[in-house]
Amino acid sequence: WYATIDIVNVFFSIPLAEECRLQFAFTWRGMQDTWNWLPQGWKHSPTIYHRLIQATLEKGKAPEHIQYIDDIIVWRDTAEEVFEKGKEIIQILLKAGFAIKKSKVKGPAKEIQFLGVKWQDGRRQIPTEVINKIIAMGRPTNKKETQAFLGAIGFWRMYIPEYSQVVSPLYSVTRKKNDF
């Protein structure tokens, strides 16, 4: 059984110290402005958010989970165990000042999507709708279509046995020196 938790507006939950705000100043439509909160577009923001949430959950002695920035998944053998585990994590986060919408909490369920990947029976799988979209692409008829196909399946390479051997001929035909 699985459940997922998504923290609301985590990217606007860390206030910037007054002395740091000038480092985040920008000009828009002729006016200079700055952020009061750590902006989501800054390259280090996701790492800072992830570590803050991770530290909060560790300090609160949260049960076993996987966390990616503001997304969390929990699992157990029964729906009741998942519910209790999820409830405990939510309570730790709420106590630390994070916001969580009920609509952003999914499960307990035997099958769930987390970060675009289907989790079921203790395994991660390519979601059926992704497989259907790839199948619907049809057989590539030129280099551009081949590149599009490779792009569509590249993210899923860890779920495709012997991926590099299977797609090697396709990469060959996309090279400039080769004809399709």
C-alpha atoms as a PDB file:
ATOM      1  CA  TRP A   1       0.000   0.000   0.000  1.00  0.00           C
ATOM      2  CA  TYR A   2       1.128   3.548  -0.803  1.00  0.00           C
ATOM      3  CA  ALA A   3       0.304   7.187  -0.076  1.00  0.00           C
ATOM      4  CA  THR A   4       1.796  10.430  -1.384  1.00  0.00           C
ATOM      5  CA  ILE A   5       2.005  13.843   0.246  1.00  0.00           C
ATOM      6  CA  ASP A   6       2.722  17.089  -1.604  1.00  0.00           C
ATOM      7  CA  ILE A   7       3.622  20.174   0.425  1.00  0.00           C
ATOM      8  CA  VAL A   8       1.776  23.304  -0.751  1.00  0.00           C
ATOM      9  CA  ASN A   9       3.773  26.327  -1.967  1.00  0.00           C
ATOM     10  CA  VAL A  10       7.033  25.064  -0.508  1.00  0.00           C
ATOM     11  CA  PHE A  11       8.882  27.342  -2.910  1.00  0.00           C
ATOM     12  CA  PHE A  12       7.549  30.396  -1.088  1.00  0.00           C
ATOM     13  CA  SER A  13       7.955  29.168   2.472  1.00  0.00           C
ATOM     14  CA  ILE A  14      11.501  30.276   3.329  1.00  0.00           C
ATOM     15  CA  PRO A  15      11.832  33.984   4.120  1.00  0.00           C
ATOM     16  CA  LEU A  16      15.004  35.737   2.970  1.00  0.00           C
ATOM     17  CA  ALA A  17      17.024  37.625   5.560  1.00  0.00           C
ATOM     18  CA  GLU A  18      16.927  41.381   4.951  1.00  0.00           C
ATOM     19  CA  GLU A  19      20.681  41.464   4.248  1.00  0.00           C
ATOM     20  CA  CYS A  20      20.346  38.785   1.521  1.00  0.00           C
ATOM     21  CA  ARG A  21      17.509  40.358  -0.461  1.00  0.00           C
ATOM     22  CA  LEU A  22      19.713  42.605  -2.628  1.00  0.00           C
ATOM     23  CA  GLN A  23      21.382  39.486  -4.043  1.00  0.00           C
ATOM     24  CA  PHE A  24      17.994  38.524  -5.498  1.00  0.00           C
ATOM     25  CA  ALA A  25      17.080  41.956  -6.893  1.00  0.00           C
ATOM     26  CA  PHE A  26      15.780  42.183 -10.467  1.00  0.00           C
ATOM     27  CA  THR A  27      14.427  44.823 -12.816  1.00  0.00           C
ATOM     28  CA  TRP A  28      11.076  44.401 -14.519  1.00  0.00           C
ATOM     29  CA  ARG A  29       9.288  47.021 -16.593  1.00  0.00           C
ATOM     30  CA  GLY A  30      11.771  49.632 -15.468  1.00  0.00           C
ATOM     31  CA  MET A  31      11.284  49.025 -11.748  1.00  0.00           C
ATOM     32  CA  GLN A  32      13.722  47.304  -9.440  1.00  0.00           C
ATOM     33  CA  ASP A  33      12.283  44.748  -7.073  1.00  0.00           C
ATOM     34  CA  THR A  34      13.512  41.898  -4.916  1.00  0.00           C
ATOM     35  CA  TRP A  35      12.220  38.704  -3.383  1.00  0.00           C
ATOM     36  CA  ASN A  36      11.178  38.472   0.269  1.00  0.00           C
ATOM     37  CA  TRP A  37      11.078  34.684   0.006  1.00  0.00           C
ATOM     38  CA  LEU A  38      13.656  32.299  -1.435  1.00  0.00           C
ATOM     39  CA  PRO A  39      12.732  32.243  -5.155  1.00  0.00           C
ATOM     40  CA  GLN A  40      12.044  28.982  -6.950  1.00  0.00           C
ATOM     41  CA  GLY A  41      14.057  29.990 -10.023  1.00  0.00           C
ATOM     42  CA  TRP A  42      17.376  30.217  -8.196  1.00  0.00           C
ATOM     43  CA  LYS A  43      19.541  27.163  -8.929  1.00  0.00           C
ATOM     44  CA  HIS A  44      20.127  26.301  -5.252  1.00  0.00           C
ATOM     45  CA  SER A  45      16.511  26.708  -4.103  1.00  0.00           C
ATOM     46  CA  PRO A  46      15.397  23.092  -4.714  1.00  0.00           C
ATOM     47  CA  THR A  47      18.367  21.777  -2.719  1.00  0.00           C
ATOM     48  CA  ILE A  48      17.672  24.168   0.152  1.00  0.00           C
ATOM     49  CA  TYR A  49      13.970  23.242   0.222  1.00  0.00           C
ATOM     50  CA  HIS A  50      14.759  19.526   0.052  1.00  0.00           C
ATOM     51  CA  ARG A  51      17.248  19.752   2.924  1.00  0.00           C
ATOM     52  CA  LEU A  52      14.903  21.844   5.060  1.00  0.00           C
ATOM     53  CA  ILE A  53      12.069  19.334   4.683  1.00  0.00           C
ATOM     54  CA  GLN A  54      14.470  16.424   5.164  1.00  0.00           C
ATOM     55  CA  ALA A  55      15.851  17.965   8.375  1.00  0.00           C
ATOM     56  CA  THR A  56      12.304  18.644   9.618  1.00  0.00           C
ATOM     57  CA  LEU A  57      11.274  15.030   9.029  1.00  0.00           C
ATOM     58  CA  GLU A  58      14.472  13.666  10.621  1.00  0.00           C
ATOM     59  CA  LYS A  59      14.084  15.923  13.659  1.00  0.00           C
ATOM     60  CA  GLY A  60      10.479  14.766  14.013  1.00  0.00           C
ATOM     61  CA  LYS A  61      11.599  11.135  13.700  1.00  0.00           C
ATOM     62  CA  ALA A  62       9.348  10.561  10.696  1.00  0.00           C
ATOM     63  CA  PRO A  63       8.722   6.961   9.658  1.00  0.00           C
ATOM     64  CA  GLU A  64      10.359   5.483   6.556  1.00  0.00           C
ATOM     65  CA  HIS A  65       9.594   7.448   3.394  1.00  0.00           C
ATOM     66  CA  ILE A  66      11.106   8.729   0.159  1.00  0.00           C
ATOM     67  CA  GLN A  67      11.228  12.475  -0.364  1.00  0.00           C
ATOM     68  CA  TYR A  68      11.995  14.537  -3.454  1.00  0.00           C
ATOM     69  CA  ILE A  69      11.895  18.257  -2.663  1.00  0.00           C
ATOM     70  CA  ASP A  70       8.228  18.707  -1.626  1.00  0.00           C
ATOM     71  CA  ASP A  71       6.892  15.294  -2.700  1.00  0.00           C
ATOM     72  CA  ILE A  72       6.829  12.388  -0.248  1.00  0.00           C
ATOM     73  CA  ILE A  73       5.792   8.749  -0.630  1.00  0.00           C
ATOM     74  CA  VAL A  74       5.138   6.271   2.172  1.00  0.00           C
ATOM     75  CA  TRP A  75       4.397   2.554   1.965  1.00  0.00           C
ATOM     76  CA  ARG A  76       3.489  -0.377   4.199  1.00  0.00           C
ATOM     77  CA  ASP A  77       1.770  -3.742   4.025  1.00  0.00           C
ATOM     78  CA  THR A  78      -1.727  -2.496   4.901  1.00  0.00           C
ATOM     79  CA  ALA A  79      -3.832   0.573   4.188  1.00  0.00           C
ATOM     80  CA  GLU A  80      -4.136   1.242   7.925  1.00  0.00           C
ATOM     81  CA  GLU A  81      -0.346   1.262   8.384  1.00  0.00           C
ATOM     82  CA  VAL A  82       0.090   3.619   5.417  1.00  0.00           C
ATOM     83  CA  PHE A  83      -2.628   5.907   6.759  1.00  0.00           C
ATOM     84  CA  GLU A  84      -0.960   6.108  10.188  1.00  0.00           C
ATOM     85  CA  LYS A  85       2.485   6.627   8.675  1.00  0.00           C
ATOM     86  CA  GLY A  86       1.206   9.382   6.382  1.00  0.00           C
ATOM     87  CA  LYS A  87      -0.687  11.011   9.246  1.00  0.00           C
ATOM     88  CA  GLU A  88       2.481  11.058  11.358  1.00  0.00           C
ATOM     89  CA  ILE A  89       4.505  12.713   8.570  1.00  0.00           C
ATOM     90  CA  ILE A  90       1.762  15.285   7.943  1.00  0.00           C
ATOM     91  CA  GLN A  91       1.638  16.151  11.659  1.00  0.00           C
ATOM     92  CA  ILE A  92       5.424  16.685  11.737  1.00  0.00           C
ATOM     93  CA  LEU A  93       5.241  18.958   8.687  1.00  0.00           C
ATOM     94  CA  LEU A  94       2.254  20.953   9.978  1.00  0.00           C
ATOM     95  CA  LYS A  95       3.940  21.438  13.353  1.00  0.00           C
ATOM     96  CA  ALA A  96       7.002  22.839  11.518  1.00  0.00           C
ATOM     97  CA  GLY A  97       4.811  25.354   9.683  1.00  0.00           C
ATOM     98  CA  PHE A  98       4.421  23.703   6.288  1.00  0.00           C
ATOM     99  CA  ALA A  99       1.005  23.726   4.609  1.00  0.00           C
ATOM    100  CA  ILE A 100      -0.639  20.638   3.134  1.00  0.00           C
ATOM    101  CA  LYS A 101      -3.883  20.533   1.140  1.00  0.00           C
ATOM    102  CA  LYS A 102      -6.067  17.465   1.580  1.00  0.00           C
ATOM    103  CA  SER A 103      -6.447  17.326  -2.204  1.00  0.00           C
ATOM    104  CA  LYS A 104      -2.654  16.955  -2.505  1.00  0.00           C
ATOM    105  CA  VAL A 105      -2.627  13.808  -0.338  1.00  0.00           C
ATOM    106  CA  LYS A 106      -3.280  10.605  -2.291  1.00  0.00           C
ATOM    107  CA  GLY A 107      -3.913   7.137  -0.914  1.00  0.00           C
ATOM    108  CA  PRO A 108      -3.735   4.797   0.782  1.00  0.00           C
ATOM    109  CA  ALA A 109      -3.881   2.864  -2.473  1.00  0.00           C
ATOM    110  CA  LYS A 110      -2.405  -0.342  -3.861  1.00  0.00           C
ATOM    111  CA  GLU A 111      -1.229   1.586  -6.923  1.00  0.00           C
ATOM    112  CA  ILE A 112      -0.109   5.219  -6.983  1.00  0.00           C
ATOM    113  CA  GLN A 113       1.818   7.690  -9.135  1.00  0.00           C
ATOM    114  CA  PHE A 114       4.826   9.412  -7.593  1.00  0.00           C
ATOM    115  CA  LEU A 115       6.978  11.758  -9.665  1.00  0.00           C
ATOM    116  CA  GLY A 116       5.315  10.399 -12.814  1.00  0.00           C
ATOM    117  CA  VAL A 117       6.202   6.778 -12.034  1.00  0.00           C
ATOM    118  CA  LYS A 118       3.653   4.078 -11.162  1.00  0.00           C
ATOM    119  CA  TRP A 119       4.307   2.288  -7.863  1.00  0.00           C
ATOM    120  CA  GLN A 120       2.576  -1.074  -7.484  1.00  0.00           C
ATOM    121  CA  ASP A 121       3.341  -4.372  -5.744  1.00  0.00           C
ATOM    122  CA  GLY A 122       6.670  -3.095  -4.417  1.00  0.00           C
ATOM    123  CA  ARG A 123       7.894  -2.120  -7.899  1.00  0.00           C
ATOM    124  CA  ARG A 124       8.193   1.027  -9.951  1.00  0.00           C
ATOM    125  CA  GLN A 125       6.737   0.804 -13.449  1.00  0.00           C
ATOM    126  CA  ILE A 126       6.151   2.879 -16.555  1.00  0.00           C
ATOM    127  CA  PRO A 127       2.548   4.166 -16.364  1.00  0.00           C
ATOM    128  CA  THR A 128       0.163   2.607 -18.887  1.00  0.00           C
ATOM    129  CA  GLU A 129      -0.756   6.008 -20.375  1.00  0.00           C
ATOM    130  CA  VAL A 130       2.940   6.652 -21.137  1.00  0.00           C
ATOM    131  CA  ILE A 131       3.266   3.271 -22.842  1.00  0.00           C
ATOM    132  CA  ASN A 132       0.127   3.988 -24.887  1.00  0.00           C
ATOM    133  CA  LYS A 133       1.484   7.386 -25.994  1.00  0.00           C
ATOM    134  CA  ILE A 134       4.774   5.821 -27.077  1.00  0.00           C
ATOM    135  CA  ILE A 135       2.966   3.066 -28.991  1.00  0.00           C
ATOM    136  CA  ALA A 136       0.721   5.685 -30.630  1.00  0.00           C
ATOM    137  CA  MET A 137       3.819   7.429 -31.995  1.00  0.00           C
ATOM    138  CA  GLY A 138       4.169   4.630 -34.506  1.00  0.00           C
ATOM    139  CA  ARG A 139       7.303   3.534 -36.285  1.00  0.00           C
ATOM    140  CA  PRO A 140       9.689   6.438 -37.101  1.00  0.00           C
ATOM    141  CA  THR A 141      10.013   7.180 -40.829  1.00  0.00           C
ATOM    142  CA  ASN A 142      12.852   9.732 -40.706  1.00  0.00           C
ATOM    143  CA  LYS A 143      15.654  11.055 -38.482  1.00  0.00           C
ATOM    144  CA  LYS A 144      13.505  13.688 -36.788  1.00  0.00           C
ATOM    145  CA  GLU A 145      10.808  11.156 -35.826  1.00  0.00           C
ATOM    146  CA  THR A 146      13.528   8.790 -34.598  1.00  0.00           C
ATOM    147  CA  GLN A 147      14.963  11.539 -32.388  1.00  0.00           C
ATOM    148  CA  ALA A 148      11.471  12.290 -31.050  1.00  0.00           C
ATOM    149  CA  PHE A 149      10.957   8.599 -30.269  1.00  0.00           C
ATOM    150  CA  LEU A 150      14.328   8.354 -28.505  1.00  0.00           C
ATOM    151  CA  GLY A 151      13.472  11.476 -26.500  1.00  0.00           C
ATOM    152  CA  ALA A 152      10.125  10.007 -25.472  1.00  0.00           C
ATOM    153  CA  ILE A 153      11.613   6.756 -24.196  1.00  0.00           C
ATOM    154  CA  GLY A 154      14.924   8.090 -22.867  1.00  0.00           C
ATOM    155  CA  PHE A 155      13.498   9.080 -19.481  1.00  0.00           C
ATOM    156  CA  TRP A 156      12.248   5.521 -19.000  1.00  0.00           C
ATOM    157  CA  ARG A 157      15.539   3.789 -19.912  1.00  0.00           C
ATOM    158  CA  MET A 158      16.043   2.403 -16.392  1.00  0.00           C
ATOM    159  CA  TYR A 159      12.788   0.452 -16.777  1.00  0.00           C
ATOM    160  CA  ILE A 160      13.656  -1.020 -20.183  1.00  0.00           C
ATOM    161  CA  PRO A 161      15.888  -4.119 -20.024  1.00  0.00           C
ATOM    162  CA  GLU A 162      19.053  -3.841 -22.149  1.00  0.00           C
ATOM    163  CA  TYR A 163      17.995  -0.354 -23.245  1.00  0.00           C
ATOM    164  CA  SER A 164      21.347   0.669 -24.747  1.00  0.00           C
ATOM    165  CA  GLN A 165      21.560  -2.434 -26.947  1.00  0.00           C
ATOM    166  CA  VAL A 166      17.945  -2.064 -28.070  1.00  0.00           C
ATOM    167  CA  VAL A 167      18.222   1.603 -29.096  1.00  0.00           C
ATOM    168  CA  SER A 168      21.786   1.549 -30.450  1.00  0.00           C
ATOM    169  CA  PRO A 169      20.646   1.068 -34.077  1.00  0.00           C
ATOM    170  CA  LEU A 170      18.209   3.972 -33.687  1.00  0.00           C
ATOM    171  CA  TYR A 171      20.951   6.300 -32.461  1.00  0.00           C
ATOM    172  CA  SER A 172      23.085   5.231 -35.426  1.00  0.00           C
ATOM    173  CA  VAL A 173      20.516   6.399 -37.978  1.00  0.00           C
ATOM    174  CA  THR A 174      20.218   9.819 -36.318  1.00  0.00           C
ATOM    175  CA  ARG A 175      23.865  10.712 -36.967  1.00  0.00           C
ATOM    176  CA  LYS A 176      24.499  13.331 -39.651  1.00  0.00           C
ATOM    177  CA  LYS A 177      26.801  11.048 -41.641  1.00  0.00           C
ATOM    178  CA  ASN A 178      24.191   8.286 -41.849  1.00  0.00           C
ATOM    179  CA  ASP A 179      21.144   8.144 -44.074  1.00  0.00           C
ATOM    180  CA  PHE A 180      17.844   7.061 -42.627  1.00  0.00           C
END
